[in-house]
N, C-alpha and C. Protein backbone atom coordinates (compact mmCIF):
# COMPACT_ATOMS: atom_id res chain seq x y z
N UNK A 1 88.85 34.47 60.36
CA UNK A 1 87.33 34.48 59.93
C UNK A 1 87.59 32.84 59.34
N UNK A 2 86.78 31.98 59.75
CA UNK A 2 87.44 30.08 59.51
C UNK A 2 86.21 29.89 58.61
N UNK A 3 86.79 28.53 57.55
CA UNK A 3 85.88 27.96 56.71
C UNK A 3 85.93 26.41 57.16
N UNK A 4 85.28 25.72 57.06
CA UNK A 4 85.16 24.65 57.15
C UNK A 4 84.77 23.53 56.26
N UNK A 5 85.61 22.62 55.62
CA UNK A 5 85.27 22.33 54.71
C UNK A 5 85.48 20.96 53.98
N UNK A 6 84.19 20.29 53.40
CA UNK A 6 84.44 18.81 53.59
C UNK A 6 84.34 18.36 52.06
N UNK A 7 85.16 17.25 51.53
CA UNK A 7 85.42 16.94 50.23
C UNK A 7 84.68 15.81 50.43
N UNK A 8 83.60 15.59 49.60
CA UNK A 8 83.28 14.37 49.34
C UNK A 8 83.39 13.57 47.60
N UNK A 9 83.96 11.66 47.15
CA UNK A 9 83.57 11.54 45.94
C UNK A 9 82.20 10.38 46.32
N UNK A 10 82.45 10.45 45.33
CA UNK A 10 80.79 9.68 45.02
C UNK A 10 81.06 8.56 43.93
N UNK A 11 80.53 7.84 43.85
CA UNK A 11 80.80 6.54 43.14
C UNK A 11 79.57 6.47 42.06
N UNK A 12 79.85 6.85 40.51
CA UNK A 12 78.90 6.74 40.02
C UNK A 12 77.99 6.02 39.31
N UNK A 13 78.35 4.43 39.45
CA UNK A 13 77.19 3.45 39.49
C UNK A 13 76.31 3.19 40.55
N UNK A 14 77.25 2.97 41.60
CA UNK A 14 76.40 2.51 42.97
C UNK A 14 75.77 3.73 43.85
N UNK A 15 76.87 5.10 43.63
CA UNK A 15 75.80 6.04 44.26
C UNK A 15 76.95 6.48 45.92
N UNK A 16 77.63 5.41 46.07
CA UNK A 16 78.09 5.45 47.44
C UNK A 16 78.91 6.66 47.81
N UNK A 17 78.65 7.28 48.67
CA UNK A 17 79.60 8.56 48.95
C UNK A 17 80.67 8.22 49.97
N UNK A 18 81.50 8.61 49.75
CA UNK A 18 82.91 8.45 50.63
C UNK A 18 83.92 9.78 50.95
N UNK A 19 83.93 10.18 52.20
CA UNK A 19 84.90 11.07 52.36
C UNK A 19 86.10 11.50 52.36
N UNK A 20 86.57 11.89 51.43
CA UNK A 20 87.98 11.92 51.32
C UNK A 20 89.44 13.14 51.89
N UNK A 21 88.21 13.99 52.25
CA UNK A 21 89.28 15.14 52.92
C UNK A 21 88.72 16.16 53.54
N UNK A 22 89.49 16.86 54.30
CA UNK A 22 88.42 18.13 55.36
C UNK A 22 89.59 19.04 55.48
N UNK A 23 88.82 20.06 55.17
CA UNK A 23 90.03 21.01 55.61
C UNK A 23 89.80 22.17 56.61
N UNK A 24 89.98 22.92 57.81
CA UNK A 24 89.59 24.50 57.97
C UNK A 24 90.68 25.84 57.42
N UNK A 25 89.36 26.27 56.80
CA UNK A 25 90.32 27.69 56.47
C UNK A 25 90.51 28.78 56.70
N UNK A 26 92.00 29.51 57.52
CA UNK A 26 91.47 30.70 58.40
C UNK A 26 91.97 31.50 57.82
N UNK A 27 91.43 32.33 57.49
CA UNK A 27 91.99 33.78 56.82
C UNK A 27 91.82 34.96 57.82
N UNK A 28 92.96 36.14 57.54
CA UNK A 28 93.15 36.89 58.26
C UNK A 28 93.33 38.02 57.98
N UNK A 29 92.95 39.36 58.32
CA UNK A 29 92.89 40.36 57.44
C UNK A 29 94.32 41.10 57.65
N UNK A 30 95.09 41.54 57.05
CA UNK A 30 96.15 42.30 57.28
C UNK A 30 96.07 43.68 56.46
N UNK A 31 96.88 44.56 56.67
CA UNK A 31 97.41 45.90 56.47
C UNK A 31 98.28 45.92 54.81
N UNK A 32 98.48 46.89 54.30
CA UNK A 32 99.66 46.97 53.38
C UNK A 32 101.06 46.68 53.49
N UNK A 33 101.87 46.28 54.84
CA UNK A 33 102.56 45.70 55.29
C UNK A 33 102.33 44.49 55.57
N UNK A 34 101.26 43.70 55.68
CA UNK A 34 101.25 42.34 55.60
C UNK A 34 100.83 41.22 57.17
N UNK A 35 100.95 43.10 57.87
CA UNK A 35 100.82 42.49 59.25
C UNK A 35 98.94 42.15 59.52
N UNK A 36 98.46 41.41 60.31
CA UNK A 36 97.12 41.45 61.20
C UNK A 36 96.75 42.54 61.48
N UNK A 37 95.43 42.73 61.47
CA UNK A 37 94.42 43.93 62.08
C UNK A 37 93.78 43.63 62.42
N UNK A 38 93.30 43.68 63.98
CA UNK A 38 91.42 43.81 63.93
C UNK A 38 90.80 44.27 62.66
N UNK A 39 89.88 43.31 62.42
CA UNK A 39 88.41 43.52 61.69
C UNK A 39 87.64 43.10 62.33
N UNK A 40 85.99 44.00 61.68
CA UNK A 40 85.15 43.96 62.60
C UNK A 40 84.65 43.04 60.83
N UNK A 41 83.72 42.03 61.41
CA UNK A 41 83.01 41.03 60.73
C UNK A 41 81.57 41.01 61.38
N UNK A 42 80.77 41.13 60.44
CA UNK A 42 78.91 40.36 61.01
C UNK A 42 78.62 39.27 60.24
N UNK A 43 77.91 38.27 60.69
CA UNK A 43 77.37 36.96 60.24
C UNK A 43 76.05 36.75 60.29
N UNK A 44 75.57 36.46 59.34
CA UNK A 44 73.87 36.42 59.04
C UNK A 44 73.36 35.03 59.64
N UNK A 45 72.67 34.71 59.82
CA UNK A 45 71.98 33.84 60.34
C UNK A 45 72.20 32.77 59.32
N UNK A 46 72.13 33.06 57.76
CA UNK A 46 72.15 32.46 56.87
C UNK A 46 73.83 32.02 56.47
N UNK A 47 74.73 32.64 57.07
CA UNK A 47 75.86 32.85 56.91
C UNK A 47 76.34 31.50 57.51
N UNK A 48 75.49 31.78 59.18
CA UNK A 48 75.47 30.25 59.92
C UNK A 48 75.31 29.03 59.84
N UNK A 49 74.22 29.18 58.83
CA UNK A 49 73.33 27.64 58.86
C UNK A 49 73.94 27.11 57.44
N UNK A 50 74.86 28.06 56.74
CA UNK A 50 75.79 27.06 55.15
C UNK A 50 76.96 26.12 56.29
N UNK A 51 77.29 26.54 57.56
CA UNK A 51 78.14 26.24 57.75
C UNK A 51 77.73 24.89 58.67
N UNK A 52 76.48 24.59 58.92
CA UNK A 52 76.15 23.32 59.74
C UNK A 52 75.40 22.52 58.67
């Protein structure tokens, strides 16, 4: 699963917004030994809408 994140700073006086960081977090399912395992994820339209 990947999560896309944008971080913005806003000047409280002028209201000007500046993008100051972005990241992509990748999550991997692991077993009790710490090894990656195949997982099954279901995404709803609501989840996908939050990304856009």
